[in-house]
Amino acid sequence: QTMAAICAALVSALFLVASENKEKPFGVQPGPGYSFVAAGFSEFFFTAVLAYVFLAVATTKAPTSQVTRQKFYDALAIGSCVTAGGFAIGALSGGELNLAVAGGISMMGCMGSYANGPSMFYLISFCALELA
């Protein structure tokens, strides 16, 4: 995941350099008007919800009365958690819910003319909260 995050950061940085938004800072940080603590705990909470739902649906067996062995609602439940988390905390913290995504965004924020110190601080802090 780390290598994928680095590759995604490089490709995204190339696209951002060619866009009209190339002067805007980009990175992982709390939204305007929100504190780091609120953003961190919201990321922690929704990451925990996502992990719980994933483990709940991935470790259950299909009922014997079911015709097929495939469980089609697993992806729906997991995708719904990601969507609900993204909408609920998107403005607050960015709604990454994934260390690789947060890492890629922070690496992109630290490249070239986008280098800003808070990006790495927030990356390390968000990662610590999501690993907890």
N, C-alpha and C. Protein backbone atom coordinates (compact mmCIF):
# COMPACT_ATOMS: atom_id res chain seq x y z
N GLN A 1 0.81 -1.18 0.00
CA GLN A 1 0.00 0.00 0.00
C GLN A 1 0.86 1.26 0.00
N THR A 2 2.00 1.17 0.64
CA THR A 2 2.87 2.35 0.67
C THR A 2 3.39 2.68 -0.71
N MET A 3 3.80 1.68 -1.46
CA MET A 3 4.29 1.91 -2.83
C MET A 3 3.17 2.46 -3.72
N ALA A 4 1.97 1.93 -3.55
CA ALA A 4 0.83 2.44 -4.32
C ALA A 4 0.54 3.89 -3.96
N ALA A 5 0.67 4.24 -2.69
CA ALA A 5 0.45 5.62 -2.27
C ALA A 5 1.49 6.55 -2.87
N ILE A 6 2.74 6.10 -2.91
CA ILE A 6 3.81 6.92 -3.51
C ILE A 6 3.56 7.11 -5.00
N CYS A 7 3.22 6.04 -5.70
CA CYS A 7 2.95 6.14 -7.15
C CYS A 7 1.74 7.04 -7.41
N ALA A 8 0.69 6.88 -6.62
CA ALA A 8 -0.50 7.72 -6.79
C ALA A 8 -0.18 9.18 -6.51
N ALA A 9 0.67 9.43 -5.51
CA ALA A 9 1.06 10.82 -5.21
C ALA A 9 1.82 11.43 -6.37
N LEU A 10 2.73 10.67 -6.97
CA LEU A 10 3.50 11.18 -8.10
C LEU A 10 2.60 11.50 -9.30
N VAL A 11 1.70 10.58 -9.63
CA VAL A 11 0.80 10.80 -10.77
C VAL A 11 -0.13 11.97 -10.49
N SER A 12 -0.68 12.04 -9.28
CA SER A 12 -1.58 13.15 -8.94
C SER A 12 -0.86 14.48 -8.96
N ALA A 13 0.39 14.50 -8.49
CA ALA A 13 1.16 15.74 -8.52
C ALA A 13 1.39 16.21 -9.95
N LEU A 14 1.64 15.27 -10.86
CA LEU A 14 1.81 15.65 -12.27
C LEU A 14 0.53 16.26 -12.84
N PHE A 15 -0.61 15.68 -12.49
CA PHE A 15 -1.87 16.24 -12.97
C PHE A 15 -2.16 17.60 -12.34
N LEU A 16 -1.84 17.73 -11.06
CA LEU A 16 -2.11 18.99 -10.38
C LEU A 16 -1.22 20.12 -10.91
N VAL A 17 0.01 19.82 -11.28
CA VAL A 17 0.92 20.82 -11.84
C VAL A 17 0.36 21.37 -13.14
N ALA A 18 -0.32 20.54 -13.91
CA ALA A 18 -0.86 20.96 -15.19
C ALA A 18 -2.22 21.65 -15.08
N SER A 19 -2.80 21.69 -13.89
CA SER A 19 -4.14 22.27 -13.75
C SER A 19 -4.06 23.74 -13.36
N GLU A 20 -5.22 24.39 -13.36
CA GLU A 20 -5.26 25.80 -12.98
C GLU A 20 -5.22 25.98 -11.46
N ASN A 21 -5.32 24.90 -10.71
CA ASN A 21 -5.27 24.97 -9.25
C ASN A 21 -3.87 24.69 -8.69
N LYS A 22 -2.87 24.87 -9.50
CA LYS A 22 -1.52 24.48 -9.08
C LYS A 22 -0.96 25.35 -7.96
N GLU A 23 -1.52 26.50 -7.70
CA GLU A 23 -1.02 27.38 -6.64
C GLU A 23 -1.68 27.10 -5.30
N LYS A 24 -2.75 26.33 -5.28
CA LYS A 24 -3.45 26.05 -4.02
C LYS A 24 -2.71 24.96 -3.25
N PRO A 25 -2.55 25.13 -1.93
CA PRO A 25 -1.91 24.07 -1.14
C PRO A 25 -2.81 22.84 -1.06
N PHE A 26 -2.18 21.69 -1.00
CA PHE A 26 -2.92 20.43 -1.01
C PHE A 26 -2.29 19.50 0.02
N GLY A 27 -3.09 18.91 0.83
CA GLY A 27 -2.57 17.98 1.83
C GLY A 27 -3.64 17.55 2.81
N VAL A 28 -3.26 16.72 3.74
CA VAL A 28 -4.17 16.25 4.77
C VAL A 28 -4.14 17.25 5.91
N GLN A 29 -5.28 17.83 6.21
CA GLN A 29 -5.40 18.77 7.32
C GLN A 29 -6.87 18.93 7.65
N PRO A 30 -7.18 19.37 8.87
CA PRO A 30 -8.59 19.59 9.21
C PRO A 30 -9.21 20.67 8.34
N GLY A 31 -10.50 20.57 8.14
CA GLY A 31 -11.21 21.56 7.35
C GLY A 31 -11.25 22.90 8.07
N PRO A 32 -11.58 23.96 7.33
CA PRO A 32 -11.63 25.28 7.95
C PRO A 32 -12.69 25.33 9.05
N GLY A 33 -12.29 25.84 10.20
CA GLY A 33 -13.22 25.94 11.32
C GLY A 33 -13.25 24.73 12.23
N TYR A 34 -12.47 23.69 11.94
CA TYR A 34 -12.45 22.48 12.75
C TYR A 34 -11.07 22.31 13.37
N SER A 35 -11.05 21.73 14.55
CA SER A 35 -9.78 21.51 15.23
C SER A 35 -9.19 20.17 14.82
N PHE A 36 -7.90 20.02 15.11
CA PHE A 36 -7.22 18.76 14.83
C PHE A 36 -7.82 17.62 15.65
N VAL A 37 -8.21 17.91 16.88
CA VAL A 37 -8.78 16.87 17.75
C VAL A 37 -10.10 16.36 17.17
N ALA A 38 -10.96 17.25 16.73
CA ALA A 38 -12.24 16.84 16.15
C ALA A 38 -12.03 16.03 14.87
N ALA A 39 -11.11 16.48 14.04
CA ALA A 39 -10.83 15.74 12.80
C ALA A 39 -10.22 14.38 13.09
N GLY A 40 -9.32 14.32 14.05
CA GLY A 40 -8.68 13.05 14.39
C GLY A 40 -9.66 12.04 14.96
N PHE A 41 -10.50 12.48 15.89
CA PHE A 41 -11.46 11.55 16.47
C PHE A 41 -12.53 11.12 15.48
N SER A 42 -12.90 12.00 14.57
CA SER A 42 -13.88 11.59 13.55
C SER A 42 -13.27 10.55 12.62
N GLU A 43 -12.01 10.72 12.23
CA GLU A 43 -11.33 9.71 11.42
C GLU A 43 -11.22 8.39 12.19
N PHE A 44 -10.86 8.48 13.46
CA PHE A 44 -10.75 7.28 14.29
C PHE A 44 -12.09 6.56 14.38
N PHE A 45 -13.16 7.30 14.65
CA PHE A 45 -14.48 6.69 14.81
C PHE A 45 -14.95 6.01 13.53
N PHE A 46 -14.89 6.70 12.41
CA PHE A 46 -15.40 6.11 11.18
C PHE A 46 -14.50 5.01 10.63
N THR A 47 -13.21 5.06 10.93
CA THR A 47 -12.33 3.95 10.57
C THR A 47 -12.69 2.73 11.40
N ALA A 48 -13.02 2.93 12.68
CA ALA A 48 -13.44 1.82 13.54
C ALA A 48 -14.77 1.25 13.07
N VAL A 49 -15.69 2.09 12.65
CA VAL A 49 -16.97 1.61 12.12
C VAL A 49 -16.74 0.78 10.86
N LEU A 50 -15.89 1.27 9.99
CA LEU A 50 -15.58 0.54 8.75
C LEU A 50 -14.94 -0.80 9.06
N ALA A 51 -14.00 -0.84 9.98
CA ALA A 51 -13.34 -2.09 10.35
C ALA A 51 -14.34 -3.06 10.98
N TYR A 52 -15.23 -2.56 11.82
CA TYR A 52 -16.23 -3.41 12.46
C TYR A 52 -17.17 -4.03 11.42
N VAL A 53 -17.66 -3.20 10.51
CA VAL A 53 -18.59 -3.71 9.49
C VAL A 53 -17.88 -4.71 8.59
N PHE A 54 -16.64 -4.42 8.21
CA PHE A 54 -15.90 -5.35 7.38
C PHE A 54 -15.73 -6.69 8.07
N LEU A 55 -15.32 -6.67 9.31
CA LEU A 55 -15.14 -7.93 10.04
C LEU A 55 -16.47 -8.64 10.28
N ALA A 56 -17.53 -7.87 10.49
CA ALA A 56 -18.84 -8.48 10.72
C ALA A 56 -19.36 -9.21 9.49
N VAL A 57 -19.17 -8.63 8.32
CA VAL A 57 -19.71 -9.27 7.11
C VAL A 57 -18.73 -10.27 6.51
N ALA A 58 -17.45 -10.10 6.73
CA ALA A 58 -16.47 -11.00 6.11
C ALA A 58 -16.30 -12.30 6.89
N THR A 59 -16.69 -12.33 8.14
CA THR A 59 -16.49 -13.53 8.95
C THR A 59 -17.74 -14.34 9.18
N THR A 60 -18.83 -13.97 8.54
CA THR A 60 -20.07 -14.73 8.70
C THR A 60 -20.26 -15.67 7.52
N LYS A 61 -20.94 -16.76 7.78
CA LYS A 61 -21.25 -17.73 6.72
C LYS A 61 -22.62 -17.43 6.15
N ALA A 62 -22.78 -17.78 4.88
CA ALA A 62 -24.08 -17.61 4.25
C ALA A 62 -25.06 -18.63 4.83
N PRO A 63 -26.33 -18.27 5.00
CA PRO A 63 -27.30 -19.23 5.52
C PRO A 63 -27.43 -20.45 4.58
N THR A 64 -27.72 -21.59 5.15
CA THR A 64 -27.84 -22.81 4.33
C THR A 64 -29.05 -22.76 3.42
N SER A 65 -30.03 -21.92 3.74
CA SER A 65 -31.22 -21.82 2.90
C SER A 65 -30.98 -20.99 1.64
N GLN A 66 -29.83 -20.34 1.57
CA GLN A 66 -29.52 -19.50 0.41
C GLN A 66 -29.14 -20.37 -0.78
N VAL A 67 -29.59 -20.01 -1.96
CA VAL A 67 -29.32 -20.79 -3.16
C VAL A 67 -27.86 -20.70 -3.58
N THR A 68 -27.30 -19.53 -3.49
CA THR A 68 -25.91 -19.32 -3.90
C THR A 68 -25.02 -19.13 -2.67
N ARG A 69 -23.75 -19.43 -2.81
CA ARG A 69 -22.81 -19.26 -1.71
C ARG A 69 -22.26 -17.84 -1.66
N GLN A 70 -22.51 -17.05 -2.67
CA GLN A 70 -21.98 -15.69 -2.71
C GLN A 70 -22.85 -14.78 -1.84
N LYS A 71 -22.18 -13.86 -1.16
CA LYS A 71 -22.89 -12.90 -0.31
C LYS A 71 -22.77 -11.53 -0.97
N PHE A 72 -23.79 -11.13 -1.67
CA PHE A 72 -23.75 -9.90 -2.43
C PHE A 72 -23.90 -8.66 -1.56
N TYR A 73 -24.41 -8.83 -0.36
CA TYR A 73 -24.63 -7.66 0.49
C TYR A 73 -23.37 -7.23 1.24
N ASP A 74 -22.33 -8.03 1.20
CA ASP A 74 -21.08 -7.65 1.86
C ASP A 74 -20.53 -6.36 1.28
N ALA A 75 -20.40 -6.32 -0.02
CA ALA A 75 -19.86 -5.13 -0.68
C ALA A 75 -20.77 -3.92 -0.47
N LEU A 76 -22.06 -4.16 -0.45
CA LEU A 76 -23.00 -3.06 -0.22
C LEU A 76 -22.83 -2.48 1.18
N ALA A 77 -22.67 -3.34 2.17
CA ALA A 77 -22.49 -2.86 3.55
C ALA A 77 -21.18 -2.11 3.70
N ILE A 78 -20.10 -2.64 3.15
CA ILE A 78 -18.80 -1.99 3.27
C ILE A 78 -18.79 -0.67 2.49
N GLY A 79 -19.32 -0.69 1.30
CA GLY A 79 -19.38 0.54 0.49
C GLY A 79 -20.26 1.60 1.13
N SER A 80 -21.33 1.18 1.77
CA SER A 80 -22.20 2.14 2.46
C SER A 80 -21.49 2.80 3.63
N CYS A 81 -20.66 2.03 4.33
CA CYS A 81 -19.88 2.62 5.43
C CYS A 81 -18.89 3.65 4.92
N VAL A 82 -18.22 3.34 3.82
CA VAL A 82 -17.26 4.28 3.24
C VAL A 82 -17.99 5.54 2.77
N THR A 83 -19.13 5.37 2.12
CA THR A 83 -19.90 6.52 1.63
C THR A 83 -20.42 7.36 2.79
N ALA A 84 -20.99 6.71 3.80
CA ALA A 84 -21.52 7.45 4.96
C ALA A 84 -20.39 8.18 5.68
N GLY A 85 -19.25 7.52 5.84
CA GLY A 85 -18.11 8.17 6.49
C GLY A 85 -17.58 9.34 5.69
N GLY A 86 -17.51 9.17 4.38
CA GLY A 86 -17.03 10.26 3.52
C GLY A 86 -17.93 11.47 3.56
N PHE A 87 -19.24 11.23 3.53
CA PHE A 87 -20.18 12.35 3.59
C PHE A 87 -20.21 12.99 4.99
N ALA A 88 -20.11 12.16 6.03
CA ALA A 88 -20.22 12.68 7.39
C ALA A 88 -19.01 13.51 7.79
N ILE A 89 -17.81 13.08 7.43
CA ILE A 89 -16.61 13.78 7.89
C ILE A 89 -15.77 14.35 6.76
N GLY A 90 -16.31 14.39 5.57
CA GLY A 90 -15.55 14.92 4.44
C GLY A 90 -15.11 16.35 4.63
N ALA A 91 -16.00 17.21 5.10
CA ALA A 91 -15.64 18.62 5.31
C ALA A 91 -14.81 18.80 6.57
N LEU A 92 -14.93 17.87 7.50
CA LEU A 92 -14.24 17.99 8.78
C LEU A 92 -12.77 17.60 8.65
N SER A 93 -12.51 16.44 8.04
CA SER A 93 -11.13 15.95 8.00
C SER A 93 -10.68 15.50 6.61
N GLY A 94 -11.56 15.51 5.66
CA GLY A 94 -11.22 15.01 4.33
C GLY A 94 -11.79 13.63 4.09
N GLY A 95 -12.09 12.90 5.15
CA GLY A 95 -12.74 11.60 5.04
C GLY A 95 -11.91 10.55 4.34
N GLU A 96 -10.63 10.45 4.63
CA GLU A 96 -9.78 9.47 3.96
C GLU A 96 -10.12 8.04 4.38
N LEU A 97 -10.19 7.79 5.67
CA LEU A 97 -10.53 6.47 6.24
C LEU A 97 -9.56 5.37 5.84
N ASN A 98 -8.41 5.72 5.29
CA ASN A 98 -7.45 4.73 4.83
C ASN A 98 -6.06 5.35 4.94
N LEU A 99 -5.15 4.62 5.57
CA LEU A 99 -3.80 5.15 5.76
C LEU A 99 -3.08 5.37 4.44
N ALA A 100 -3.30 4.51 3.46
CA ALA A 100 -2.62 4.66 2.17
C ALA A 100 -3.11 5.92 1.45
N VAL A 101 -4.40 6.19 1.53
CA VAL A 101 -4.95 7.39 0.89
C VAL A 101 -4.41 8.64 1.58
N ALA A 102 -4.43 8.64 2.91
CA ALA A 102 -3.90 9.79 3.65
C ALA A 102 -2.41 9.97 3.38
N GLY A 103 -1.68 8.86 3.28
CA GLY A 103 -0.25 8.93 2.98
C GLY A 103 0.01 9.48 1.60
N GLY A 104 -0.75 9.04 0.61
CA GLY A 104 -0.58 9.56 -0.75
C GLY A 104 -0.88 11.03 -0.86
N ILE A 105 -1.95 11.47 -0.20
CA ILE A 105 -2.30 12.89 -0.23
C ILE A 105 -1.23 13.72 0.47
N SER A 106 -0.73 13.23 1.59
CA SER A 106 0.30 13.98 2.32
C SER A 106 1.61 14.02 1.55
N MET A 107 1.96 12.90 0.91
CA MET A 107 3.19 12.90 0.10
C MET A 107 3.07 13.86 -1.06
N MET A 108 1.89 13.91 -1.66
CA MET A 108 1.66 14.85 -2.75
C MET A 108 1.75 16.28 -2.24
N GLY A 109 1.25 16.52 -1.02
CA GLY A 109 1.32 17.85 -0.43
C GLY A 109 2.73 18.27 -0.08
N CYS A 110 3.64 17.32 0.04
CA CYS A 110 5.03 17.64 0.41
C CYS A 110 5.95 17.69 -0.79
N MET A 111 5.43 17.50 -2.00
CA MET A 111 6.28 17.49 -3.20
C MET A 111 6.38 18.89 -3.82
N GLY A 112 7.54 19.20 -4.28
CA GLY A 112 7.76 20.40 -5.09
C GLY A 112 7.24 21.68 -4.46
N SER A 113 6.49 22.43 -5.25
CA SER A 113 5.99 23.72 -4.79
C SER A 113 4.84 23.57 -3.81
N TYR A 114 4.38 22.35 -3.58
CA TYR A 114 3.28 22.12 -2.66
C TYR A 114 3.78 21.82 -1.26
N ALA A 115 5.09 21.87 -1.07
CA ALA A 115 5.66 21.48 0.23
C ALA A 115 5.13 22.39 1.32
N ASN A 116 4.46 21.79 2.28
CA ASN A 116 4.00 22.52 3.45
C ASN A 116 4.21 21.64 4.67
N GLY A 117 4.76 22.21 5.71
CA GLY A 117 5.10 21.47 6.91
C GLY A 117 3.94 20.79 7.58
N PRO A 118 2.77 21.45 7.71
CA PRO A 118 1.67 20.81 8.42
C PRO A 118 1.20 19.50 7.78
N SER A 119 1.44 19.33 6.49
CA SER A 119 0.95 18.13 5.82
C SER A 119 1.54 16.87 6.43
N MET A 120 2.84 16.85 6.69
CA MET A 120 3.46 15.67 7.29
C MET A 120 3.06 15.51 8.75
N PHE A 121 2.88 16.61 9.47
CA PHE A 121 2.42 16.52 10.85
C PHE A 121 1.04 15.87 10.91
N TYR A 122 0.14 16.33 10.04
CA TYR A 122 -1.20 15.77 10.04
C TYR A 122 -1.20 14.32 9.56
N LEU A 123 -0.34 13.97 8.62
CA LEU A 123 -0.24 12.59 8.17
C LEU A 123 0.15 11.68 9.33
N ILE A 124 1.19 12.05 10.05
CA ILE A 124 1.65 11.22 11.17
C ILE A 124 0.57 11.14 12.25
N SER A 125 -0.08 12.25 12.53
CA SER A 125 -1.11 12.27 13.56
C SER A 125 -2.32 11.45 13.16
N PHE A 126 -2.81 11.61 11.92
CA PHE A 126 -3.96 10.83 11.46
C PHE A 126 -3.63 9.35 11.43
N CYS A 127 -2.43 9.00 11.00
CA CYS A 127 -2.02 7.59 10.96
C CYS A 127 -1.99 7.00 12.36
N ALA A 128 -1.49 7.75 13.31
CA ALA A 128 -1.45 7.26 14.69
C ALA A 128 -2.86 7.03 15.22
N LEU A 129 -3.78 7.94 14.92
CA LEU A 129 -5.16 7.76 15.38
C LEU A 129 -5.85 6.61 14.68
N GLU A 130 -5.58 6.41 13.41
CA GLU A 130 -6.22 5.33 12.69
C GLU A 130 -5.64 3.97 13.05
N LEU A 131 -4.38 3.93 13.46
CA LEU A 131 -3.78 2.67 13.89
C LEU A 131 -4.20 2.29 15.30
N ALA A 132 -4.64 3.28 16.08
CA ALA A 132 -5.00 3.01 17.47
C ALA A 132 -6.20 2.10 17.59
